[in-house]
Amino acid sequence: MTPEEVVRAELGAWEKLDVDAIIGCFAPEAVWENVASGAVRSGHAAIREVTEGYMAHTKSFRAEILNIATSGNVVLTERIDHVDYDGRVVDLRIMGAFEVAEGKVRAWRDYFDMGGLSG
């Protein structure tokens, strides 16, 4: 798979709310960082823990990709994540940077305004 296909598969796994598929898209040593919140997770176990916690509150998730660009093994996404979290629908504008190696996400950094989570 191309780096873009890997990223689309990762986001597709989120849309299915499939924790195993989500974790399967990450390299074992992957780092996932939500820059705005300061949360950083490393490795499958830590990423699984936070993903399962998130999924316990998530009824639906859809990543609307507005723009996507690839340079080598780096994929940048401008997207709106539409999430039903604890019965509250949130539309969060996000810029994401994914580093892909050997068909897996090695690093994922999302940049967003935490203000999108309020109100």
C-alpha atoms as a PDB file:
ATOM      1  CA  MET A   1       0.000   0.000   0.000  1.00  0.00           C
ATOM      2  CA  THR A   2       1.087   3.550  -0.644  1.00  0.00           C
ATOM      3  CA  PRO A   3       1.491   5.895   2.337  1.00  0.00           C
ATOM      4  CA  GLU A   4      -1.782   7.601   1.396  1.00  0.00           C
ATOM      5  CA  GLU A   5      -3.599   4.248   1.268  1.00  0.00           C
ATOM      6  CA  VAL A   6      -2.235   3.385   4.731  1.00  0.00           C
ATOM      7  CA  VAL A   7      -3.553   6.674   6.144  1.00  0.00           C
ATOM      8  CA  ARG A   8      -6.929   6.210   4.502  1.00  0.00           C
ATOM      9  CA  ALA A   9      -7.076   2.672   5.970  1.00  0.00           C
ATOM     10  CA  GLU A  10      -6.245   4.052   9.433  1.00  0.00           C
ATOM     11  CA  LEU A  11      -8.996   6.656   9.238  1.00  0.00           C
ATOM     12  CA  GLY A  12     -11.365   4.028   7.801  1.00  0.00           C
ATOM     13  CA  ALA A  13     -10.718   1.789  10.809  1.00  0.00           C
ATOM     14  CA  TRP A  14     -11.729   4.695  13.048  1.00  0.00           C
ATOM     15  CA  GLU A  15     -14.934   5.094  11.047  1.00  0.00           C
ATOM     16  CA  LYS A  16     -15.725   1.415  11.725  1.00  0.00           C
ATOM     17  CA  LEU A  17     -14.937   1.945  15.438  1.00  0.00           C
ATOM     18  CA  ASP A  18     -12.702  -1.145  15.122  1.00  0.00           C
ATOM     19  CA  VAL A  19      -9.972  -0.980  17.771  1.00  0.00           C
ATOM     20  CA  ASP A  20      -8.097  -4.035  16.450  1.00  0.00           C
ATOM     21  CA  ALA A  21      -8.033  -2.616  12.921  1.00  0.00           C
ATOM     22  CA  ILE A  22      -6.884   0.768  14.262  1.00  0.00           C
ATOM     23  CA  ILE A  23      -4.014  -0.805  16.199  1.00  0.00           C
ATOM     24  CA  GLY A  24      -3.176  -2.980  13.190  1.00  0.00           C
ATOM     25  CA  CYS A  25      -2.451   0.145  11.146  1.00  0.00           C
ATOM     26  CA  PHE A  26       0.268   1.250  13.591  1.00  0.00           C
ATOM     27  CA  ALA A  27       3.867   0.033  13.632  1.00  0.00           C
ATOM     28  CA  PRO A  28       4.734  -1.616  16.976  1.00  0.00           C
ATOM     29  CA  GLU A  29       6.947   1.342  17.963  1.00  0.00           C
ATOM     30  CA  ALA A  30       4.504   3.993  16.693  1.00  0.00           C
ATOM     31  CA  VAL A  31       4.030   7.346  18.370  1.00  0.00           C
ATOM     32  CA  TRP A  32       0.613   9.027  18.346  1.00  0.00           C
ATOM     33  CA  GLU A  33       0.443  12.632  19.491  1.00  0.00           C
ATOM     34  CA  ASN A  34      -2.539  14.927  19.915  1.00  0.00           C
ATOM     35  CA  VAL A  35      -0.500  18.112  19.944  1.00  0.00           C
ATOM     36  CA  ALA A  36      -3.219  20.443  21.251  1.00  0.00           C
ATOM     37  CA  SER A  37      -3.889  18.313  24.312  1.00  0.00           C
ATOM     38  CA  GLY A  38      -0.270  17.342  24.894  1.00  0.00           C
ATOM     39  CA  ALA A  39      -1.179  13.646  24.863  1.00  0.00           C
ATOM     40  CA  VAL A  40       1.521  11.343  23.497  1.00  0.00           C
ATOM     41  CA  ARG A  41       1.209   7.568  23.281  1.00  0.00           C
ATOM     42  CA  SER A  42       3.986   5.175  22.229  1.00  0.00           C
ATOM     43  CA  GLY A  43       3.636   1.557  21.193  1.00  0.00           C
ATOM     44  CA  HIS A  44       0.649  -0.703  20.631  1.00  0.00           C
ATOM     45  CA  ALA A  45      -0.306  -1.180  24.298  1.00  0.00           C
ATOM     46  CA  ALA A  46      -0.452   2.542  25.102  1.00  0.00           C
ATOM     47  CA  ILE A  47      -2.236   3.391  21.845  1.00  0.00           C
ATOM     48  CA  ARG A  48      -4.753   0.569  22.440  1.00  0.00           C
ATOM     49  CA  GLU A  49      -5.458   1.795  25.982  1.00  0.00           C
ATOM     50  CA  VAL A  50      -6.322   5.334  24.906  1.00  0.00           C
ATOM     51  CA  THR A  51      -8.222   4.130  21.820  1.00  0.00           C
ATOM     52  CA  GLU A  52     -10.384   1.745  23.867  1.00  0.00           C
ATOM     53  CA  GLY A  53     -11.121   4.538  26.334  1.00  0.00           C
ATOM     54  CA  TYR A  54     -12.125   6.835  23.522  1.00  0.00           C
ATOM     55  CA  MET A  55     -14.281   4.186  21.841  1.00  0.00           C
ATOM     56  CA  ALA A  56     -16.181   3.556  25.080  1.00  0.00           C
ATOM     57  CA  HIS A  57     -17.699   7.015  24.580  1.00  0.00           C
ATOM     58  CA  THR A  58     -17.899   7.143  20.776  1.00  0.00           C
ATOM     59  CA  LYS A  59     -21.088   6.258  18.926  1.00  0.00           C
ATOM     60  CA  SER A  60     -19.861   7.348  15.483  1.00  0.00           C
ATOM     61  CA  PHE A  61     -16.799   8.796  13.784  1.00  0.00           C
ATOM     62  CA  ARG A  62     -16.310  10.118  10.254  1.00  0.00           C
ATOM     63  CA  ALA A  63     -13.155  11.715   8.886  1.00  0.00           C
ATOM     64  CA  GLU A  64     -14.035  14.162   6.134  1.00  0.00           C
ATOM     65  CA  ILE A  65     -10.797  14.661   4.218  1.00  0.00           C
ATOM     66  CA  LEU A  66     -10.707  18.160   2.731  1.00  0.00           C
ATOM     67  CA  ASN A  67      -7.157  17.949   1.390  1.00  0.00           C
ATOM     68  CA  ILE A  68      -4.476  15.281   1.394  1.00  0.00           C
ATOM     69  CA  ALA A  69      -0.847  15.588   0.292  1.00  0.00           C
ATOM     70  CA  THR A  70       1.985  13.083   0.211  1.00  0.00           C
ATOM     71  CA  SER A  71       5.717  13.715   0.144  1.00  0.00           C
ATOM     72  CA  GLY A  72       7.734  10.525   0.288  1.00  0.00           C
ATOM     73  CA  ASN A  73       6.534   8.627   3.356  1.00  0.00           C
ATOM     74  CA  VAL A  74       4.752  11.622   4.937  1.00  0.00           C
ATOM     75  CA  VAL A  75       1.023  12.195   4.442  1.00  0.00           C
ATOM     76  CA  LEU A  76      -0.630  15.452   5.475  1.00  0.00           C
ATOM     77  CA  THR A  77      -4.387  15.652   5.942  1.00  0.00           C
ATOM     78  CA  GLU A  78      -6.668  18.617   6.363  1.00  0.00           C
ATOM     79  CA  ARG A  79      -9.888  17.144   7.641  1.00  0.00           C
ATOM     80  CA  ILE A  80     -12.971  17.549   9.736  1.00  0.00           C
ATOM     81  CA  ASP A  81     -13.530  14.736  12.202  1.00  0.00           C
ATOM     82  CA  HIS A  82     -17.264  14.356  12.860  1.00  0.00           C
ATOM     83  CA  VAL A  83     -17.652  12.537  16.170  1.00  0.00           C
ATOM     84  CA  ASP A  84     -20.623  11.548  18.304  1.00  0.00           C
ATOM     85  CA  TYR A  85     -18.960  11.436  21.717  1.00  0.00           C
ATOM     86  CA  ASP A  86     -21.180  10.761  24.725  1.00  0.00           C
ATOM     87  CA  GLY A  87     -24.208  11.832  22.684  1.00  0.00           C
ATOM     88  CA  ARG A  88     -22.662  15.144  21.686  1.00  0.00           C
ATOM     89  CA  VAL A  89     -21.759  15.676  18.032  1.00  0.00           C
ATOM     90  CA  VAL A  90     -18.455  17.478  17.530  1.00  0.00           C
ATOM     91  CA  ASP A  91     -17.050  18.670  14.197  1.00  0.00           C
ATOM     92  CA  LEU A  92     -13.342  19.158  14.790  1.00  0.00           C
ATOM     93  CA  ARG A  93     -11.093  20.775  12.168  1.00  0.00           C
ATOM     94  CA  ILE A  94      -7.716  19.034  12.171  1.00  0.00           C
ATOM     95  CA  MET A  95      -4.388  19.077  10.377  1.00  0.00           C
ATOM     96  CA  GLY A  96      -2.706  15.700  10.639  1.00  0.00           C
ATOM     97  CA  ALA A  97       0.807  14.524   9.814  1.00  0.00           C
ATOM     98  CA  PHE A  98       1.372  10.796   9.359  1.00  0.00           C
ATOM     99  CA  GLU A  99       4.758   9.139   8.872  1.00  0.00           C
ATOM    100  CA  VAL A 100       4.457   5.738   7.205  1.00  0.00           C
ATOM    101  CA  ALA A 101       7.069   2.982   7.025  1.00  0.00           C
ATOM    102  CA  GLU A 102       6.710  -0.554   5.690  1.00  0.00           C
ATOM    103  CA  GLY A 103       2.937  -0.201   5.312  1.00  0.00           C
ATOM    104  CA  LYS A 104       2.314   0.995   8.893  1.00  0.00           C
ATOM    105  CA  VAL A 105       1.835   4.350  10.610  1.00  0.00           C
ATOM    106  CA  ARG A 106       5.058   5.031  12.499  1.00  0.00           C
ATOM    107  CA  ALA A 107       4.064   8.496  13.747  1.00  0.00           C
ATOM    108  CA  TRP A 108       0.780  10.411  13.781  1.00  0.00           C
ATOM    109  CA  ARG A 109       0.511  14.000  14.936  1.00  0.00           C
ATOM    110  CA  ASP A 110      -2.811  15.849  14.959  1.00  0.00           C
ATOM    111  CA  TYR A 111      -2.939  19.625  15.330  1.00  0.00           C
ATOM    112  CA  PHE A 112      -6.254  21.212  16.249  1.00  0.00           C
ATOM    113  CA  ASP A 113      -7.823  23.967  18.298  1.00  0.00           C
ATOM    114  CA  MET A 114      -9.147  22.644  21.612  1.00  0.00           C
ATOM    115  CA  GLY A 115     -11.821  25.361  21.368  1.00  0.00           C
ATOM    116  CA  GLY A 116     -13.569  23.101  18.854  1.00  0.00           C
ATOM    117  CA  LEU A 117     -14.371  20.771  21.725  1.00  0.00           C
ATOM    118  CA  SER A 118     -16.360  23.365  23.686  1.00  0.00           C
ATOM    119  CA  GLY A 119     -19.647  25.083  23.110  1.00  0.00           C
END
